[in-house]
Amino acid sequence: IRIENGDRNDEDNFLTIAVEGCAHGNLDEIYRAISESSQAQTQPVDLLLCCGDFQSLRNEADYDTLAVPDKYKSMGDFYKYYKGEK
């Protein structure tokens, strides 16, 4: 989504927004897709909106707070960002 900002009509006058549905803790995949899109369009993404299930599991103890069937429980990579590894 690109939103014009003000009266000027140049490339520096737009806000580029990426919208993600369900993240399911897969931040690496989301950031990779944003990076590829930004390079292809030569316009960086200014804002990411995550509108669905984010699933921010910090460690295995968080599984107990996740209200999904066991087959859908997956650590994802959010914990790496939480720990400061990324």
PDB file of N, CA and C in Angstrom:
ATOM      1  N   ILE A   1       0.861  -1.167   0.000  1.00  0.00           N
ATOM      2  CA  ILE A   1       0.000   0.000   0.000  1.00  0.00           C
ATOM      3  C   ILE A   1       0.903   1.224   0.000  1.00  0.00           C
ATOM      4  N   ARG A   2       0.650   2.168  -0.864  1.00  0.00           N
ATOM      5  CA  ARG A   2       1.411   3.419  -0.876  1.00  0.00           C
ATOM      6  C   ARG A   2       0.446   4.557  -0.642  1.00  0.00           C
ATOM      7  N   ILE A   3       0.744   5.396   0.308  1.00  0.00           N
ATOM      8  CA  ILE A   3      -0.117   6.530   0.645  1.00  0.00           C
ATOM      9  C   ILE A   3       0.634   7.813   0.380  1.00  0.00           C
ATOM     10  N   GLU A   4       0.015   8.710  -0.376  1.00  0.00           N
ATOM     11  CA  GLU A   4       0.642   9.997  -0.659  1.00  0.00           C
ATOM     12  C   GLU A   4       0.603  10.852   0.594  1.00  0.00           C
ATOM     13  N   ASN A   5       1.684  11.561   0.821  1.00  0.00           N
ATOM     14  CA  ASN A   5       1.835  12.378   2.011  1.00  0.00           C
ATOM     15  C   ASN A   5       2.006  13.837   1.590  1.00  0.00           C
ATOM     16  N   GLY A   6       0.947  14.598   1.569  1.00  0.00           N
ATOM     17  CA  GLY A   6       1.061  16.023   1.260  1.00  0.00           C
ATOM     18  C   GLY A   6       0.714  16.349  -0.176  1.00  0.00           C
ATOM     19  N   ASP A   7       1.142  17.540  -0.595  1.00  0.00           N
ATOM     20  CA  ASP A   7       0.777  18.065  -1.904  1.00  0.00           C
ATOM     21  C   ASP A   7       1.783  17.719  -3.007  1.00  0.00           C
ATOM     22  N   ARG A   8       3.005  17.419  -2.633  1.00  0.00           N
ATOM     23  CA  ARG A   8       4.019  17.110  -3.647  1.00  0.00           C
ATOM     24  C   ARG A   8       3.734  15.770  -4.280  1.00  0.00           C
ATOM     25  N   ASN A   9       4.177  15.575  -5.493  1.00  0.00           N
ATOM     26  CA  ASN A   9       3.953  14.322  -6.198  1.00  0.00           C
ATOM     27  C   ASN A   9       5.287  13.731  -6.639  1.00  0.00           C
ATOM     28  N   ASP A  10       6.107  13.351  -5.670  1.00  0.00           N
ATOM     29  CA  ASP A  10       7.370  12.705  -5.993  1.00  0.00           C
ATOM     30  C   ASP A  10       7.533  11.463  -5.113  1.00  0.00           C
ATOM     31  N   GLU A  11       8.519  10.660  -5.434  1.00  0.00           N
ATOM     32  CA  GLU A  11       8.715   9.384  -4.742  1.00  0.00           C
ATOM     33  C   GLU A  11       9.000   9.546  -3.248  1.00  0.00           C
ATOM     34  N   ASP A  12       9.594  10.657  -2.836  1.00  0.00           N
ATOM     35  CA  ASP A  12       9.914  10.861  -1.428  1.00  0.00           C
ATOM     36  C   ASP A  12       8.689  11.254  -0.615  1.00  0.00           C
ATOM     37  N   ASN A  13       7.577  11.387  -1.251  1.00  0.00           N
ATOM     38  CA  ASN A  13       6.388  11.899  -0.602  1.00  0.00           C
ATOM     39  C   ASN A  13       5.340  10.803  -0.355  1.00  0.00           C
ATOM     40  N   PHE A  14       5.768   9.539  -0.374  1.00  0.00           N
ATOM     41  CA  PHE A  14       4.864   8.422  -0.160  1.00  0.00           C
ATOM     42  C   PHE A  14       5.271   7.630   1.062  1.00  0.00           C
ATOM     43  N   LEU A  15       4.294   7.059   1.733  1.00  0.00           N
ATOM     44  CA  LEU A  15       4.511   6.148   2.843  1.00  0.00           C
ATOM     45  C   LEU A  15       4.172   4.753   2.324  1.00  0.00           C
ATOM     46  N   THR A  16       5.115   3.831   2.382  1.00  0.00           N
ATOM     47  CA  THR A  16       4.887   2.476   1.895  1.00  0.00           C
ATOM     48  C   THR A  16       4.615   1.566   3.084  1.00  0.00           C
ATOM     49  N   ILE A  17       3.463   0.895   3.038  1.00  0.00           N
ATOM     50  CA  ILE A  17       3.023   0.057   4.148  1.00  0.00           C
ATOM     51  C   ILE A  17       2.891  -1.381   3.673  1.00  0.00           C
ATOM     52  N   ALA A  18       3.480  -2.315   4.418  1.00  0.00           N
ATOM     53  CA  ALA A  18       3.298  -3.746   4.159  1.00  0.00           C
ATOM     54  C   ALA A  18       2.285  -4.264   5.164  1.00  0.00           C
ATOM     55  N   VAL A  19       1.365  -5.108   4.702  1.00  0.00           N
ATOM     56  CA  VAL A  19       0.331  -5.670   5.570  1.00  0.00           C
ATOM     57  C   VAL A  19       0.487  -7.183   5.594  1.00  0.00           C
ATOM     58  N   GLU A  20       0.631  -7.727   6.782  1.00  0.00           N
ATOM     59  CA  GLU A  20       0.779  -9.177   6.978  1.00  0.00           C
ATOM     60  C   GLU A  20      -0.452  -9.696   7.695  1.00  0.00           C
ATOM     61  N   GLY A  21      -0.942 -10.829   7.257  1.00  0.00           N
ATOM     62  CA  GLY A  21      -2.071 -11.470   7.937  1.00  0.00           C
ATOM     63  C   GLY A  21      -1.547 -12.178   9.173  1.00  0.00           C
ATOM     64  N   CYS A  22      -1.575 -13.487   9.168  1.00  0.00           N
ATOM     65  CA  CYS A  22      -1.094 -14.277  10.304  1.00  0.00           C
ATOM     66  C   CYS A  22       0.405 -14.509  10.170  1.00  0.00           C
ATOM     67  N   ALA A  23       1.149 -14.095  11.172  1.00  0.00           N
ATOM     68  CA  ALA A  23       2.601 -14.234  11.154  1.00  0.00           C
ATOM     69  C   ALA A  23       3.048 -15.593  11.678  1.00  0.00           C
ATOM     70  N   HIS A  24       2.343 -16.137  12.646  1.00  0.00           N
ATOM     71  CA  HIS A  24       2.672 -17.429  13.263  1.00  0.00           C
ATOM     72  C   HIS A  24       4.129 -17.495  13.708  1.00  0.00           C
ATOM     73  N   GLY A  25       4.677 -16.379  14.157  1.00  0.00           N
ATOM     74  CA  GLY A  25       6.039 -16.364  14.681  1.00  0.00           C
ATOM     75  C   GLY A  25       7.127 -16.459  13.640  1.00  0.00           C
ATOM     76  N   ASN A  26       6.798 -16.356  12.365  1.00  0.00           N
ATOM     77  CA  ASN A  26       7.786 -16.502  11.286  1.00  0.00           C
ATOM     78  C   ASN A  26       8.290 -15.141  10.810  1.00  0.00           C
ATOM     79  N   LEU A  27       8.971 -14.436  11.675  1.00  0.00           N
ATOM     80  CA  LEU A  27       9.445 -13.090  11.339  1.00  0.00           C
ATOM     81  C   LEU A  27      10.504 -13.097  10.244  1.00  0.00           C
ATOM     82  N   ASP A  28      11.388 -14.100  10.248  1.00  0.00           N
ATOM     83  CA  ASP A  28      12.427 -14.147   9.216  1.00  0.00           C
ATOM     84  C   ASP A  28      11.802 -14.152   7.819  1.00  0.00           C
ATOM     85  N   GLU A  29      10.762 -14.951   7.630  1.00  0.00           N
ATOM     86  CA  GLU A  29      10.105 -15.039   6.327  1.00  0.00           C
ATOM     87  C   GLU A  29       9.447 -13.713   5.946  1.00  0.00           C
ATOM     88  N   ILE A  30       8.824 -13.066   6.905  1.00  0.00           N
ATOM     89  CA  ILE A  30       8.173 -11.775   6.646  1.00  0.00           C
ATOM     90  C   ILE A  30       9.211 -10.717   6.272  1.00  0.00           C
ATOM     91  N   TYR A  31      10.287 -10.626   7.057  1.00  0.00           N
ATOM     92  CA  TYR A  31      11.317  -9.629   6.774  1.00  0.00           C
ATOM     93  C   TYR A  31      12.012  -9.901   5.444  1.00  0.00           C
ATOM     94  N   ARG A  32      12.191 -11.192   5.073  1.00  0.00           N
ATOM     95  CA  ARG A  32      12.792 -11.530   3.785  1.00  0.00           C
ATOM     96  C   ARG A  32      11.900 -11.050   2.639  1.00  0.00           C
ATOM     97  N   ALA A  33      10.599 -11.301   2.764  1.00  0.00           N
ATOM     98  CA  ALA A  33       9.658 -10.881   1.714  1.00  0.00           C
ATOM     99  C   ALA A  33       9.619  -9.364   1.585  1.00  0.00           C
ATOM    100  N   ILE A  34       9.673  -8.662   2.697  1.00  0.00           N
ATOM    101  CA  ILE A  34       9.681  -7.199   2.664  1.00  0.00           C
ATOM    102  C   ILE A  34      10.961  -6.683   1.997  1.00  0.00           C
ATOM    103  N   SER A  35      12.079  -7.303   2.325  1.00  0.00           N
ATOM    104  CA  SER A  35      13.351  -6.897   1.736  1.00  0.00           C
ATOM    105  C   SER A  35      13.340  -7.102   0.222  1.00  0.00           C
ATOM    106  N   GLU A  36      12.847  -8.256  -0.226  1.00  0.00           N
ATOM    107  CA  GLU A  36      12.779  -8.534  -1.660  1.00  0.00           C
ATOM    108  C   GLU A  36      11.847  -7.556  -2.370  1.00  0.00           C
ATOM    109  N   SER A  37      10.718  -7.270  -1.757  1.00  0.00           N
ATOM    110  CA  SER A  37       9.764  -6.327  -2.348  1.00  0.00           C
ATOM    111  C   SER A  37      10.356  -4.924  -2.429  1.00  0.00           C
ATOM    112  N   SER A  38      11.029  -4.516  -1.380  1.00  0.00           N
ATOM    113  CA  SER A  38      11.639  -3.182  -1.357  1.00  0.00           C
ATOM    114  C   SER A  38      12.697  -3.038  -2.441  1.00  0.00           C
ATOM    115  N   GLN A  39      13.501  -4.094  -2.644  1.00  0.00           N
ATOM    116  CA  GLN A  39      14.536  -4.055  -3.680  1.00  0.00           C
ATOM    117  C   GLN A  39      13.921  -4.028  -5.072  1.00  0.00           C
ATOM    118  N   ALA A  40      12.867  -4.798  -5.270  1.00  0.00           N
ATOM    119  CA  ALA A  40      12.229  -4.865  -6.590  1.00  0.00           C
ATOM    120  C   ALA A  40      11.549  -3.549  -6.950  1.00  0.00           C
ATOM    121  N   GLN A  41      11.024  -2.855  -5.955  1.00  0.00           N
ATOM    122  CA  GLN A  41      10.307  -1.613  -6.220  1.00  0.00           C
ATOM    123  C   GLN A  41      11.166  -0.376  -5.976  1.00  0.00           C
ATOM    124  N   THR A  42      12.379  -0.564  -5.534  1.00  0.00           N
ATOM    125  CA  THR A  42      13.293   0.520  -5.170  1.00  0.00           C
ATOM    126  C   THR A  42      12.655   1.509  -4.201  1.00  0.00           C
ATOM    127  N   GLN A  43      11.691   1.049  -3.442  1.00  0.00           N
ATOM    128  CA  GLN A  43      11.026   1.878  -2.430  1.00  0.00           C
ATOM    129  C   GLN A  43      10.983   1.066  -1.141  1.00  0.00           C
ATOM    130  N   PRO A  44      11.658   1.519  -0.086  1.00  0.00           N
ATOM    131  CA  PRO A  44      11.646   0.748   1.157  1.00  0.00           C
ATOM    132  C   PRO A  44      10.271   0.768   1.827  1.00  0.00           C
ATOM    133  N   VAL A  45       9.993  -0.292   2.555  1.00  0.00           N
ATOM    134  CA  VAL A  45       8.763  -0.346   3.347  1.00  0.00           C
ATOM    135  C   VAL A  45       8.976   0.491   4.593  1.00  0.00           C
ATOM    136  N   ASP A  46       8.069   1.416   4.849  1.00  0.00           N
ATOM    137  CA  ASP A  46       8.165   2.306   5.998  1.00  0.00           C
ATOM    138  C   ASP A  46       7.476   1.754   7.246  1.00  0.00           C
ATOM    139  N   LEU A  47       6.460   0.909   7.032  1.00  0.00           N
ATOM    140  CA  LEU A  47       5.653   0.440   8.153  1.00  0.00           C
ATOM    141  C   LEU A  47       5.135  -0.958   7.853  1.00  0.00           C
ATOM    142  N   LEU A  48       5.218  -1.850   8.847  1.00  0.00           N
ATOM    143  CA  LEU A  48       4.674  -3.202   8.737  1.00  0.00           C
ATOM    144  C   LEU A  48       3.512  -3.323   9.705  1.00  0.00           C
ATOM    145  N   LEU A  49       2.341  -3.711   9.184  1.00  0.00           N
ATOM    146  CA  LEU A  49       1.172  -3.966  10.019  1.00  0.00           C
ATOM    147  C   LEU A  49       0.930  -5.467  10.070  1.00  0.00           C
ATOM    148  N   CYS A  50       0.951  -6.045  11.252  1.00  0.00           N
ATOM    149  CA  CYS A  50       0.625  -7.460  11.437  1.00  0.00           C
ATOM    150  C   CYS A  50      -0.794  -7.519  11.975  1.00  0.00           C
ATOM    151  N   CYS A  51      -1.714  -8.033  11.178  1.00  0.00           N
ATOM    152  CA  CYS A  51      -3.137  -7.957  11.503  1.00  0.00           C
ATOM    153  C   CYS A  51      -3.739  -9.275  11.980  1.00  0.00           C
ATOM    154  N   GLY A  52      -3.015 -10.338  11.982  1.00  0.00           N
ATOM    155  CA  GLY A  52      -3.573 -11.633  12.356  1.00  0.00           C
ATOM    156  C   GLY A  52      -2.877 -12.211  13.571  1.00  0.00           C
ATOM    157  N   ASP A  53      -2.783 -13.522  13.584  1.00  0.00           N
ATOM    158  CA  ASP A  53      -2.158 -14.259  14.675  1.00  0.00           C
ATOM    159  C   ASP A  53      -0.647 -14.033  14.641  1.00  0.00           C
ATOM    160  N   PHE A  54      -0.108 -13.408  15.660  1.00  0.00           N
ATOM    161  CA  PHE A  54       1.316 -13.097  15.669  1.00  0.00           C
ATOM    162  C   PHE A  54       2.143 -14.247  16.231  1.00  0.00           C
ATOM    163  N   GLN A  55       1.672 -14.900  17.274  1.00  0.00           N
ATOM    164  CA  GLN A  55       2.315 -16.056  17.917  1.00  0.00           C
ATOM    165  C   GLN A  55       3.740 -15.746  18.364  1.00  0.00           C
ATOM    166  N   SER A  56       3.847 -14.905  19.353  1.00  0.00           N
ATOM    167  CA  SER A  56       5.151 -14.479  19.867  1.00  0.00           C
ATOM    168  C   SER A  56       5.608 -15.378  21.022  1.00  0.00           C
ATOM    169  N   LEU A  57       6.094 -16.556  20.676  1.00  0.00           N
ATOM    170  CA  LEU A  57       6.578 -17.492  21.687  1.00  0.00           C
ATOM    171  C   LEU A  57       8.028 -17.172  22.027  1.00  0.00           C
ATOM    172  N   ARG A  58       8.261 -16.906  23.308  1.00  0.00           N
ATOM    173  CA  ARG A  58       9.603 -16.546  23.759  1.00  0.00           C
ATOM    174  C   ARG A  58      10.433 -17.758  24.126  1.00  0.00           C
ATOM    175  N   ASN A  59       9.773 -18.804  24.611  1.00  0.00           N
ATOM    176  CA  ASN A  59      10.442 -20.037  25.026  1.00  0.00           C
ATOM    177  C   ASN A  59       9.396 -21.141  25.123  1.00  0.00           C
ATOM    178  N   GLU A  60       9.820 -22.361  25.444  1.00  0.00           N
ATOM    179  CA  GLU A  60       8.893 -23.489  25.479  1.00  0.00           C
ATOM    180  C   GLU A  60       7.817 -23.336  26.547  1.00  0.00           C
ATOM    181  N   ALA A  61       8.069 -22.602  27.602  1.00  0.00           N
ATOM    182  CA  ALA A  61       7.059 -22.385  28.641  1.00  0.00           C
ATOM    183  C   ALA A  61       5.835 -21.651  28.078  1.00  0.00           C
ATOM    184  N   ASP A  62       6.017 -20.888  27.029  1.00  0.00           N
ATOM    185  CA  ASP A  62       4.896 -20.165  26.416  1.00  0.00           C
ATOM    186  C   ASP A  62       3.911 -21.088  25.702  1.00  0.00           C
ATOM    187  N   TYR A  63       4.319 -22.323  25.414  1.00  0.00           N
ATOM    188  CA  TYR A  63       3.384 -23.270  24.801  1.00  0.00           C
ATOM    189  C   TYR A  63       2.142 -23.454  25.668  1.00  0.00           C
ATOM    190  N   ASP A  64       2.316 -23.388  26.983  1.00  0.00           N
ATOM    191  CA  ASP A  64       1.190 -23.581  27.900  1.00  0.00           C
ATOM    192  C   ASP A  64       0.133 -22.489  27.770  1.00  0.00           C
ATOM    193  N   THR A  65       0.501 -21.347  27.225  1.00  0.00           N
ATOM    194  CA  THR A  65      -0.447 -20.229  27.084  1.00  0.00           C
ATOM    195  C   THR A  65      -1.041 -20.147  25.677  1.00  0.00           C
ATOM    196  N   LEU A  66      -0.625 -21.045  24.796  1.00  0.00           N
ATOM    197  CA  LEU A  66      -1.061 -21.028  23.407  1.00  0.00           C
ATOM    198  C   LEU A  66      -2.314 -21.891  23.253  1.00  0.00           C
ATOM    199  N   ALA A  67      -3.425 -21.288  22.867  1.00  0.00           N
ATOM    200  CA  ALA A  67      -4.709 -21.987  22.764  1.00  0.00           C
ATOM    201  C   ALA A  67      -4.925 -22.540  21.361  1.00  0.00           C
ATOM    202  N   VAL A  68      -4.094 -23.497  20.969  1.00  0.00           N
ATOM    203  CA  VAL A  68      -4.236 -24.180  19.684  1.00  0.00           C
ATOM    204  C   VAL A  68      -3.948 -25.664  19.907  1.00  0.00           C
ATOM    205  N   PRO A  69      -4.428 -26.531  19.014  1.00  0.00           N
ATOM    206  CA  PRO A  69      -4.077 -27.952  19.125  1.00  0.00           C
ATOM    207  C   PRO A  69      -2.557 -28.134  19.063  1.00  0.00           C
ATOM    208  N   ASP A  70      -2.068 -29.165  19.727  1.00  0.00           N
ATOM    209  CA  ASP A  70      -0.621 -29.406  19.790  1.00  0.00           C
ATOM    210  C   ASP A  70       0.042 -29.461  18.419  1.00  0.00           C
ATOM    211  N   LYS A  71      -0.654 -29.991  17.409  1.00  0.00           N
ATOM    212  CA  LYS A  71      -0.039 -30.113  16.083  1.00  0.00           C
ATOM    213  C   LYS A  71       0.291 -28.762  15.456  1.00  0.00           C
ATOM    214  N   TYR A  72      -0.311 -27.671  15.965  1.00  0.00           N
ATOM    215  CA  TYR A  72      -0.042 -26.334  15.435  1.00  0.00           C
ATOM    216  C   TYR A  72       0.972 -25.552  16.271  1.00  0.00           C
ATOM    217  N   LYS A  73       1.427 -26.136  17.346  1.00  0.00           N
ATOM    218  CA  LYS A  73       2.398 -25.446  18.209  1.00  0.00           C
ATOM    219  C   LYS A  73       3.785 -25.528  17.588  1.00  0.00           C
ATOM    220  N   SER A  74       4.312 -24.372  17.257  1.00  0.00           N
ATOM    221  CA  SER A  74       5.625 -24.274  16.638  1.00  0.00           C
ATOM    222  C   SER A  74       6.334 -23.049  17.199  1.00  0.00           C
ATOM    223  N   MET A  75       7.593 -23.214  17.538  1.00  0.00           N
ATOM    224  CA  MET A  75       8.335 -22.122  18.169  1.00  0.00           C
ATOM    225  C   MET A  75       8.505 -20.927  17.235  1.00  0.00           C
ATOM    226  N   GLY A  76       8.637 -21.166  15.939  1.00  0.00           N
ATOM    227  CA  GLY A  76       8.871 -20.050  15.030  1.00  0.00           C
ATOM    228  C   GLY A  76      10.239 -19.437  15.310  1.00  0.00           C
ATOM    229  N   ASP A  77      10.454 -18.205  14.904  1.00  0.00           N
ATOM    230  CA  ASP A  77      11.754 -17.560  15.149  1.00  0.00           C
ATOM    231  C   ASP A  77      11.632 -16.254  15.932  1.00  0.00           C
ATOM    232  N   PHE A  78      10.441 -15.970  16.448  1.00  0.00           N
ATOM    233  CA  PHE A  78      10.269 -14.761  17.258  1.00  0.00           C
ATOM    234  C   PHE A  78      11.240 -14.734  18.425  1.00  0.00           C
ATOM    235  N   TYR A  79      11.488 -15.898  19.047  1.00  0.00           N
ATOM    236  CA  TYR A  79      12.355 -15.945  20.229  1.00  0.00           C
ATOM    237  C   TYR A  79      13.743 -15.385  19.949  1.00  0.00           C
ATOM    238  N   LYS A  80      14.231 -15.504  18.717  1.00  0.00           N
ATOM    239  CA  LYS A  80      15.558 -14.977  18.362  1.00  0.00           C
ATOM    240  C   LYS A  80      15.564 -13.442  18.453  1.00  0.00           C
ATOM    241  N   TYR A  81      14.468 -12.826  18.065  1.00  0.00           N
ATOM    242  CA  TYR A  81      14.357 -11.370  18.159  1.00  0.00           C
ATOM    243  C   TYR A  81      14.169 -10.959  19.615  1.00  0.00           C
ATOM    244  N   TYR A  82      13.397 -11.736  20.344  1.00  0.00           N
ATOM    245  CA  TYR A  82      13.156 -11.472  21.768  1.00  0.00           C
ATOM    246  C   TYR A  82      14.468 -11.533  22.549  1.00  0.00           C
ATOM    247  N   LYS A  83      15.322 -12.490  22.227  1.00  0.00           N
ATOM    248  CA  LYS A  83      16.610 -12.652  22.922  1.00  0.00           C
ATOM    249  C   LYS A  83      17.670 -11.660  22.437  1.00  0.00           C
ATOM    250  N   GLY A  84      17.391 -10.943  21.355  1.00  0.00           N
ATOM    251  CA  GLY A  84      18.361  -9.999  20.816  1.00  0.00           C
ATOM    252  C   GLY A  84      19.379 -10.650  19.895  1.00  0.00           C
ATOM    253  N   GLU A  85      19.111 -11.875  19.462  1.00  0.00           N
ATOM    254  CA  GLU A  85      20.023 -12.565  18.542  1.00  0.00           C
ATOM    255  C   GLU A  85      19.924 -12.007  17.128  1.00  0.00           C
ATOM    256  N   LYS A  86      18.816 -11.366  16.840  1.00  0.00           N
ATOM    257  CA  LYS A  86      18.588 -10.786  15.504  1.00  0.00           C
ATOM    258  C   LYS A  86      18.218  -9.337  15.636  1.00  0.00           C
TER     259      LYS A  86
END
